[in-house]
């Protein structure tokens, strides 16, 4: 079994905030791929289903962001899932809005949800880093991530979430490039090719000039042709 974790904060007041983009991603995967209804378990909400050939459990910790590792750790222990079978979807300040990258292992870069997972489970898990941009100054970060996405963000956000759902079977199969390509196709779909213009009809042979002594020519036209 694989475990896909979306990070966020519980409660309606947080539902549309930048920090909750991980919740949004697993919600879209569950909806588009016919997962079971969400139910309470492991200090979180879980849904189960299949992505391609893989059995997958989705988890949204309800512990608040900075304690997410408690919920993830409980799920891993109960199902005896290795940390390498975990993928975490989370907001990423260091990527521009609409950009997405997959990363395996490494540090938590100060992200409180990842920090907690590191502490409870280790660091050898995959992350889907979903760019939300940076407010510009460190002291503005807390207010920025806990603020709702703007109307300007609505289009790229919907495209990114749909792309995550489109590519989820690839991600479950270990095809990171295929997953990111599915997201890219949603973010910037190829432009339709313009139809090629129909070829011009072939020109017929030039009309032969009438000889100067052709019948029916008036006298002035006969003179013009003779001396032209």
C-alpha atoms as a PDB file:
ATOM      1  CA  UNK A   1       0.000   0.000   0.000  1.00  0.00           C
ATOM      2  CA  UNK A   2       1.063   3.570  -0.740  1.00  0.00           C
ATOM      3  CA  UNK A   3       0.265   6.537   1.486  1.00  0.00           C
ATOM      4  CA  UNK A   4      -0.444   9.938  -0.069  1.00  0.00           C
ATOM      5  CA  UNK A   5      -0.576  12.676   2.576  1.00  0.00           C
ATOM      6  CA  UNK A   6      -2.013  16.131   2.034  1.00  0.00           C
ATOM      7  CA  UNK A   7      -0.914  18.780   4.510  1.00  0.00           C
ATOM      8  CA  UNK A   8      -3.134  21.535   5.840  1.00  0.00           C
ATOM      9  CA  UNK A   9      -5.074  22.762   8.850  1.00  0.00           C
ATOM     10  CA  UNK A  10      -8.538  21.438   9.798  1.00  0.00           C
ATOM     11  CA  UNK A  11     -11.619  23.618   9.944  1.00  0.00           C
ATOM     12  CA  UNK A  12     -13.674  25.649   7.488  1.00  0.00           C
ATOM     13  CA  UNK A  13     -11.797  28.833   8.326  1.00  0.00           C
ATOM     14  CA  UNK A  14      -8.615  27.302   6.865  1.00  0.00           C
ATOM     15  CA  UNK A  15     -10.139  25.484   3.895  1.00  0.00           C
ATOM     16  CA  UNK A  16      -9.168  28.005   1.188  1.00  0.00           C
ATOM     17  CA  UNK A  17      -5.823  29.100   2.623  1.00  0.00           C
ATOM     18  CA  UNK A  18      -2.495  28.721   0.823  1.00  0.00           C
ATOM     19  CA  UNK A  19      -1.237  26.430   3.598  1.00  0.00           C
ATOM     20  CA  UNK A  20      -4.031  23.973   2.732  1.00  0.00           C
ATOM     21  CA  UNK A  21      -3.104  23.288  -0.882  1.00  0.00           C
ATOM     22  CA  UNK A  22      -2.039  19.766   0.151  1.00  0.00           C
ATOM     23  CA  UNK A  23      -5.540  19.024   1.440  1.00  0.00           C
ATOM     24  CA  UNK A  24      -6.941  20.381  -1.828  1.00  0.00           C
ATOM     25  CA  UNK A  25      -4.715  18.089  -3.896  1.00  0.00           C
ATOM     26  CA  UNK A  26      -5.721  14.843  -2.176  1.00  0.00           C
ATOM     27  CA  UNK A  27      -9.371  15.942  -2.175  1.00  0.00           C
ATOM     28  CA  UNK A  28      -9.221  16.280  -5.969  1.00  0.00           C
ATOM     29  CA  UNK A  29      -7.481  12.891  -6.343  1.00  0.00           C
ATOM     30  CA  UNK A  30     -10.147  11.238  -4.179  1.00  0.00           C
ATOM     31  CA  UNK A  31     -12.963  12.842  -6.166  1.00  0.00           C
ATOM     32  CA  UNK A  32     -11.590  12.173  -9.644  1.00  0.00           C
ATOM     33  CA  UNK A  33     -10.547   8.566  -8.980  1.00  0.00           C
ATOM     34  CA  UNK A  34     -13.586   7.331  -7.060  1.00  0.00           C
ATOM     35  CA  UNK A  35     -11.981   6.795  -3.643  1.00  0.00           C
ATOM     36  CA  UNK A  36     -14.026   5.732  -0.622  1.00  0.00           C
ATOM     37  CA  UNK A  37     -15.723   8.407   1.504  1.00  0.00           C
ATOM     38  CA  UNK A  38     -13.464  10.140   4.019  1.00  0.00           C
ATOM     39  CA  UNK A  39     -13.554   8.673   7.528  1.00  0.00           C
ATOM     40  CA  UNK A  40     -11.829   9.534  10.792  1.00  0.00           C
ATOM     41  CA  UNK A  41      -8.742   7.489  11.604  1.00  0.00           C
ATOM     42  CA  UNK A  42      -5.124   8.022  12.723  1.00  0.00           C
ATOM     43  CA  UNK A  43      -5.909  11.521  14.067  1.00  0.00           C
ATOM     44  CA  UNK A  44      -6.900  12.422  10.543  1.00  0.00           C
ATOM     45  CA  UNK A  45      -9.266  11.726   7.665  1.00  0.00           C
ATOM     46  CA  UNK A  46      -8.545   8.790   5.368  1.00  0.00           C
ATOM     47  CA  UNK A  47      -9.913   7.578   2.026  1.00  0.00           C
ATOM     48  CA  UNK A  48      -8.875   4.454   0.145  1.00  0.00           C
ATOM     49  CA  UNK A  49      -8.835   3.502  -3.512  1.00  0.00           C
ATOM     50  CA  UNK A  50      -6.643   2.485  -6.422  1.00  0.00           C
ATOM     51  CA  UNK A  51      -4.435   4.450  -8.768  1.00  0.00           C
ATOM     52  CA  UNK A  52      -3.560   2.206 -11.667  1.00  0.00           C
ATOM     53  CA  UNK A  53      -2.272  -1.039 -10.183  1.00  0.00           C
ATOM     54  CA  UNK A  54      -1.478   0.485  -6.783  1.00  0.00           C
ATOM     55  CA  UNK A  55      -3.626   0.422  -3.668  1.00  0.00           C
ATOM     56  CA  UNK A  56      -3.437   3.899  -2.142  1.00  0.00           C
ATOM     57  CA  UNK A  57      -4.576   5.444   1.117  1.00  0.00           C
ATOM     58  CA  UNK A  58      -5.061   9.204   1.236  1.00  0.00           C
ATOM     59  CA  UNK A  59      -4.546  10.963   4.575  1.00  0.00           C
ATOM     60  CA  UNK A  60      -5.379  14.484   5.747  1.00  0.00           C
ATOM     61  CA  UNK A  61      -3.975  14.929   9.283  1.00  0.00           C
ATOM     62  CA  UNK A  62      -6.399  16.790  11.557  1.00  0.00           C
ATOM     63  CA  UNK A  63      -3.764  17.616  14.169  1.00  0.00           C
ATOM     64  CA  UNK A  64      -2.940  21.057  12.743  1.00  0.00           C
ATOM     65  CA  UNK A  65       0.091  21.504  10.571  1.00  0.00           C
ATOM     66  CA  UNK A  66       2.878  21.454  13.144  1.00  0.00           C
ATOM     67  CA  UNK A  67       1.780  18.046  14.523  1.00  0.00           C
ATOM     68  CA  UNK A  68       1.158  16.315  11.174  1.00  0.00           C
ATOM     69  CA  UNK A  69       3.814  13.687  11.886  1.00  0.00           C
ATOM     70  CA  UNK A  70       1.715  12.172  14.686  1.00  0.00           C
ATOM     71  CA  UNK A  71      -1.037  11.273  12.233  1.00  0.00           C
ATOM     72  CA  UNK A  72       1.341  10.055   9.522  1.00  0.00           C
ATOM     73  CA  UNK A  73       3.311   7.957  12.015  1.00  0.00           C
ATOM     74  CA  UNK A  74       0.149   6.295  13.351  1.00  0.00           C
ATOM     75  CA  UNK A  75      -0.920   5.309   9.816  1.00  0.00           C
ATOM     76  CA  UNK A  76       2.532   3.921   8.983  1.00  0.00           C
ATOM     77  CA  UNK A  77       2.722   1.809  12.118  1.00  0.00           C
ATOM     78  CA  UNK A  78      -0.792   0.379  11.789  1.00  0.00           C
ATOM     79  CA  UNK A  79      -0.426  -0.629   8.144  1.00  0.00           C
ATOM     80  CA  UNK A  80       3.308  -1.423   8.390  1.00  0.00           C
ATOM     81  CA  UNK A  81       4.032   0.983   5.529  1.00  0.00           C
ATOM     82  CA  UNK A  82       7.659   1.874   4.853  1.00  0.00           C
ATOM     83  CA  UNK A  83       8.511   5.580   4.827  1.00  0.00           C
ATOM     84  CA  UNK A  84       9.648   5.236   1.206  1.00  0.00           C
ATOM     85  CA  UNK A  85       6.025   4.483   0.225  1.00  0.00           C
ATOM     86  CA  UNK A  86       4.868   7.907   1.468  1.00  0.00           C
ATOM     87  CA  UNK A  87       4.276  10.955  -0.723  1.00  0.00           C
ATOM     88  CA  UNK A  88       3.423  14.285   0.888  1.00  0.00           C
ATOM     89  CA  UNK A  89       1.644  17.106  -0.953  1.00  0.00           C
ATOM     90  CA  UNK A  90       2.465  20.495   0.543  1.00  0.00           C
ATOM     91  CA  UNK A  91       2.702  24.228  -0.104  1.00  0.00           C
ATOM     92  CA  UNK A  92       6.125  25.504  -1.201  1.00  0.00           C
ATOM     93  CA  UNK A  93       7.203  29.112  -0.647  1.00  0.00           C
ATOM     94  CA  UNK A  94      10.358  28.712  -2.727  1.00  0.00           C
ATOM     95  CA  UNK A  95       8.449  27.959  -5.947  1.00  0.00           C
ATOM     96  CA  UNK A  96       6.485  30.530  -7.910  1.00  0.00           C
ATOM     97  CA  UNK A  97       2.689  30.181  -7.896  1.00  0.00           C
ATOM     98  CA  UNK A  98       1.681  27.445 -10.323  1.00  0.00           C
ATOM     99  CA  UNK A  99       5.067  25.689 -10.340  1.00  0.00           C
ATOM    100  CA  UNK A 100       5.348  22.108  -9.095  1.00  0.00           C
ATOM    101  CA  UNK A 101       8.252  19.784  -8.411  1.00  0.00           C
ATOM    102  CA  UNK A 102       8.690  16.255  -7.018  1.00  0.00           C
ATOM    103  CA  UNK A 103      11.485  15.686  -4.525  1.00  0.00           C
ATOM    104  CA  UNK A 104      12.699  12.604  -2.649  1.00  0.00           C
ATOM    105  CA  UNK A 105      14.246  12.945   0.802  1.00  0.00           C
ATOM    106  CA  UNK A 106      16.193  15.953   2.024  1.00  0.00           C
ATOM    107  CA  UNK A 107      15.482  18.653   4.572  1.00  0.00           C
ATOM    108  CA  UNK A 108      12.205  20.274   5.580  1.00  0.00           C
ATOM    109  CA  UNK A 109      13.281  23.870   4.741  1.00  0.00           C
ATOM    110  CA  UNK A 110      11.454  25.195   7.803  1.00  0.00           C
ATOM    111  CA  UNK A 111       8.036  23.841   6.773  1.00  0.00           C
ATOM    112  CA  UNK A 112       6.321  22.935  10.047  1.00  0.00           C
ATOM    113  CA  UNK A 113       4.345  20.023   8.596  1.00  0.00           C
ATOM    114  CA  UNK A 114       7.428  18.447   7.057  1.00  0.00           C
ATOM    115  CA  UNK A 115       9.430  19.132  10.218  1.00  0.00           C
ATOM    116  CA  UNK A 116       6.912  17.133  12.234  1.00  0.00           C
ATOM    117  CA  UNK A 117       6.954  14.229   9.748  1.00  0.00           C
ATOM    118  CA  UNK A 118      10.763  14.235   9.912  1.00  0.00           C
ATOM    119  CA  UNK A 119      10.616  13.984  13.700  1.00  0.00           C
ATOM    120  CA  UNK A 120       8.074  11.149  13.817  1.00  0.00           C
ATOM    121  CA  UNK A 121       8.833   9.158  10.660  1.00  0.00           C
ATOM    122  CA  UNK A 122      12.182  10.159   9.126  1.00  0.00           C
ATOM    123  CA  UNK A 123      12.992  12.075   5.965  1.00  0.00           C
ATOM    124  CA  UNK A 124      13.124   9.400   3.233  1.00  0.00           C
ATOM    125  CA  UNK A 125       9.717  10.150   1.733  1.00  0.00           C
ATOM    126  CA  UNK A 126       8.648  11.830  -1.500  1.00  0.00           C
ATOM    127  CA  UNK A 127       7.243  15.348  -1.580  1.00  0.00           C
ATOM    128  CA  UNK A 128       5.093  17.086  -4.167  1.00  0.00           C
ATOM    129  CA  UNK A 129       6.147  20.701  -3.740  1.00  0.00           C
ATOM    130  CA  UNK A 130       3.269  22.914  -4.849  1.00  0.00           C
ATOM    131  CA  UNK A 131       4.439  26.480  -5.415  1.00  0.00           C
ATOM    132  CA  UNK A 132       2.527  29.324  -3.770  1.00  0.00           C
ATOM    133  CA  UNK A 133       5.224  32.006  -4.051  1.00  0.00           C
ATOM    134  CA  UNK A 134       6.861  34.047  -1.286  1.00  0.00           C
ATOM    135  CA  UNK A 135       5.575  37.324   0.194  1.00  0.00           C
ATOM    136  CA  UNK A 136       9.071  38.809   0.010  1.00  0.00           C
ATOM    137  CA  UNK A 137       9.956  39.163   3.689  1.00  0.00           C
ATOM    138  CA  UNK A 138      10.290  36.461   6.347  1.00  0.00           C
ATOM    139  CA  UNK A 139       8.086  38.273   8.848  1.00  0.00           C
ATOM    140  CA  UNK A 140       5.194  38.214   6.358  1.00  0.00           C
ATOM    141  CA  UNK A 141       5.263  34.449   5.767  1.00  0.00           C
ATOM    142  CA  UNK A 142       2.895  33.403   8.567  1.00  0.00           C
ATOM    143  CA  UNK A 143       0.142  35.778   7.511  1.00  0.00           C
ATOM    144  CA  UNK A 144       0.702  34.950   3.844  1.00  0.00           C
ATOM    145  CA  UNK A 145       0.318  31.160   4.117  1.00  0.00           C
ATOM    146  CA  UNK A 146      -2.707  31.529   6.415  1.00  0.00           C
ATOM    147  CA  UNK A 147      -4.482  33.802   3.940  1.00  0.00           C
ATOM    148  CA  UNK A 148      -6.979  32.586   1.357  1.00  0.00           C
ATOM    149  CA  UNK A 149      -5.875  32.217  -2.244  1.00  0.00           C
ATOM    150  CA  UNK A 150      -6.753  35.321  -4.244  1.00  0.00           C
ATOM    151  CA  UNK A 151      -9.131  35.488  -7.207  1.00  0.00           C
ATOM    152  CA  UNK A 152      -6.027  35.878  -9.376  1.00  0.00           C
ATOM    153  CA  UNK A 153      -4.849  32.454  -8.184  1.00  0.00           C
ATOM    154  CA  UNK A 154      -8.100  30.667  -8.979  1.00  0.00           C
ATOM    155  CA  UNK A 155      -7.292  29.642 -12.573  1.00  0.00           C
ATOM    156  CA  UNK A 156      -3.790  28.256 -12.063  1.00  0.00           C
ATOM    157  CA  UNK A 157      -4.811  26.619  -8.770  1.00  0.00           C
ATOM    158  CA  UNK A 158      -7.661  24.699 -10.394  1.00  0.00           C
ATOM    159  CA  UNK A 159      -5.392  23.646 -13.260  1.00  0.00           C
ATOM    160  CA  UNK A 160      -2.697  22.444 -10.863  1.00  0.00           C
ATOM    161  CA  UNK A 161      -5.147  20.419  -8.767  1.00  0.00           C
ATOM    162  CA  UNK A 162      -6.673  18.832 -11.871  1.00  0.00           C
ATOM    163  CA  UNK A 163      -3.172  18.049 -13.121  1.00  0.00           C
ATOM    164  CA  UNK A 164      -2.312  16.332  -9.830  1.00  0.00           C
ATOM    165  CA  UNK A 165      -5.396  14.143 -10.218  1.00  0.00           C
ATOM    166  CA  UNK A 166      -4.606  13.437 -13.882  1.00  0.00           C
ATOM    167  CA  UNK A 167      -1.069  12.381 -13.061  1.00  0.00           C
ATOM    168  CA  UNK A 168      -1.748  10.556  -9.787  1.00  0.00           C
ATOM    169  CA  UNK A 169      -1.584   7.066 -11.370  1.00  0.00           C
ATOM    170  CA  UNK A 170       1.837   7.963 -12.798  1.00  0.00           C
ATOM    171  CA  UNK A 171       3.001   9.159  -9.396  1.00  0.00           C
ATOM    172  CA  UNK A 172       1.773   5.934  -7.783  1.00  0.00           C
ATOM    173  CA  UNK A 173       3.729   3.963 -10.398  1.00  0.00           C
ATOM    174  CA  UNK A 174       6.939   5.847  -9.565  1.00  0.00           C
ATOM    175  CA  UNK A 175       6.890   7.842 -12.805  1.00  0.00           C
ATOM    176  CA  UNK A 176       7.675  11.316 -11.453  1.00  0.00           C
ATOM    177  CA  UNK A 177       8.316  12.741 -14.919  1.00  0.00           C
ATOM    178  CA  UNK A 178       4.986  11.435 -16.203  1.00  0.00           C
ATOM    179  CA  UNK A 179       3.210  12.974 -13.206  1.00  0.00           C
ATOM    180  CA  UNK A 180       4.821  16.385 -13.704  1.00  0.00           C
ATOM    181  CA  UNK A 181       4.078  16.233 -17.420  1.00  0.00           C
ATOM    182  CA  UNK A 182       0.375  15.658 -16.643  1.00  0.00           C
ATOM    183  CA  UNK A 183       0.393  18.747 -14.447  1.00  0.00           C
ATOM    184  CA  UNK A 184       2.234  20.761 -17.104  1.00  0.00           C
ATOM    185  CA  UNK A 185      -0.357  19.813 -19.723  1.00  0.00           C
ATOM    186  CA  UNK A 186      -3.097  21.223 -17.498  1.00  0.00           C
ATOM    187  CA  UNK A 187      -1.109  24.367 -16.708  1.00  0.00           C
ATOM    188  CA  UNK A 188      -0.164  25.086 -20.330  1.00  0.00           C
ATOM    189  CA  UNK A 189      -2.107  22.900 -22.778  1.00  0.00           C
ATOM    190  CA  UNK A 190      -0.657  22.733 -26.295  1.00  0.00           C
ATOM    191  CA  UNK A 191      -2.187  25.182 -28.732  1.00  0.00           C
ATOM    192  CA  UNK A 192      -4.283  23.592 -31.475  1.00  0.00           C
ATOM    193  CA  UNK A 193      -2.472  23.408 -34.767  1.00  0.00           C
ATOM    194  CA  UNK A 194      -3.687  25.782 -37.441  1.00  0.00           C
ATOM    195  CA  UNK A 195      -5.093  23.969 -40.476  1.00  0.00           C
ATOM    196  CA  UNK A 196      -2.859  24.132 -43.502  1.00  0.00           C
ATOM    197  CA  UNK A 197      -4.260  26.322 -46.304  1.00  0.00           C
ATOM    198  CA  UNK A 198      -5.665  24.406 -49.254  1.00  0.00           C
ATOM    199  CA  UNK A 199      -3.301  24.356 -52.227  1.00  0.00           C
ATOM    200  CA  UNK A 200      -4.114  26.862 -54.955  1.00  0.00           C
ATOM    201  CA  UNK A 201      -5.614  25.303 -58.074  1.00  0.00           C
ATOM    202  CA  UNK A 202      -3.069  24.650 -60.785  1.00  0.00           C
ATOM    203  CA  UNK A 203      -2.946  27.372 -63.413  1.00  0.00           C
ATOM    204  CA  UNK A 204      -3.992  26.279 -66.896  1.00  0.00           C
ATOM    205  CA  UNK A 205      -1.877  26.911 -70.001  1.00  0.00           C
ATOM    206  CA  UNK A 206      -1.749  30.586 -71.049  1.00  0.00           C
ATOM    207  CA  UNK A 207      -4.295  31.512 -73.639  1.00  0.00           C
ATOM    208  CA  UNK A 208      -2.788  31.749 -77.102  1.00  0.00           C
ATOM    209  CA  UNK A 209      -2.782  35.224 -78.629  1.00  0.00           C
ATOM    210  CA  UNK A 210      -4.980  35.609 -81.645  1.00  0.00           C
ATOM    211  CA  UNK A 211      -2.981  36.111 -84.835  1.00  0.00           C
ATOM    212  CA  UNK A 212      -3.025  39.558 -86.388  1.00  0.00           C
ATOM    213  CA  UNK A 213      -4.984  38.320 -89.358  1.00  0.00           C
ATOM    214  CA  UNK A 214      -7.625  36.541 -87.234  1.00  0.00           C
ATOM    215  CA  UNK A 215     -11.104  37.170 -88.593  1.00  0.00           C
ATOM    216  CA  UNK A 216     -13.255  39.664 -86.776  1.00  0.00           C
ATOM    217  CA  UNK A 217     -10.447  42.080 -85.671  1.00  0.00           C
ATOM    218  CA  UNK A 218     -11.071  45.721 -86.388  1.00  0.00           C
ATOM    219  CA  UNK A 219      -8.441  47.511 -88.574  1.00  0.00           C
ATOM    220  CA  UNK A 220      -6.827  49.485 -85.692  1.00  0.00           C
ATOM    221  CA  UNK A 221      -6.253  46.289 -83.690  1.00  0.00           C
ATOM    222  CA  UNK A 222      -4.688  44.611 -86.774  1.00  0.00           C
ATOM    223  CA  UNK A 223      -2.232  47.526 -87.127  1.00  0.00           C
ATOM    224  CA  UNK A 224      -1.376  47.471 -83.392  1.00  0.00           C
ATOM    225  CA  UNK A 225      -0.546  43.758 -83.492  1.00  0.00           C
ATOM    226  CA  UNK A 226       1.491  44.068 -86.654  1.00  0.00           C
ATOM    227  CA  UNK A 227       3.817  46.763 -85.289  1.00  0.00           C
ATOM    228  CA  UNK A 228       3.893  45.861 -81.586  1.00  0.00           C
END
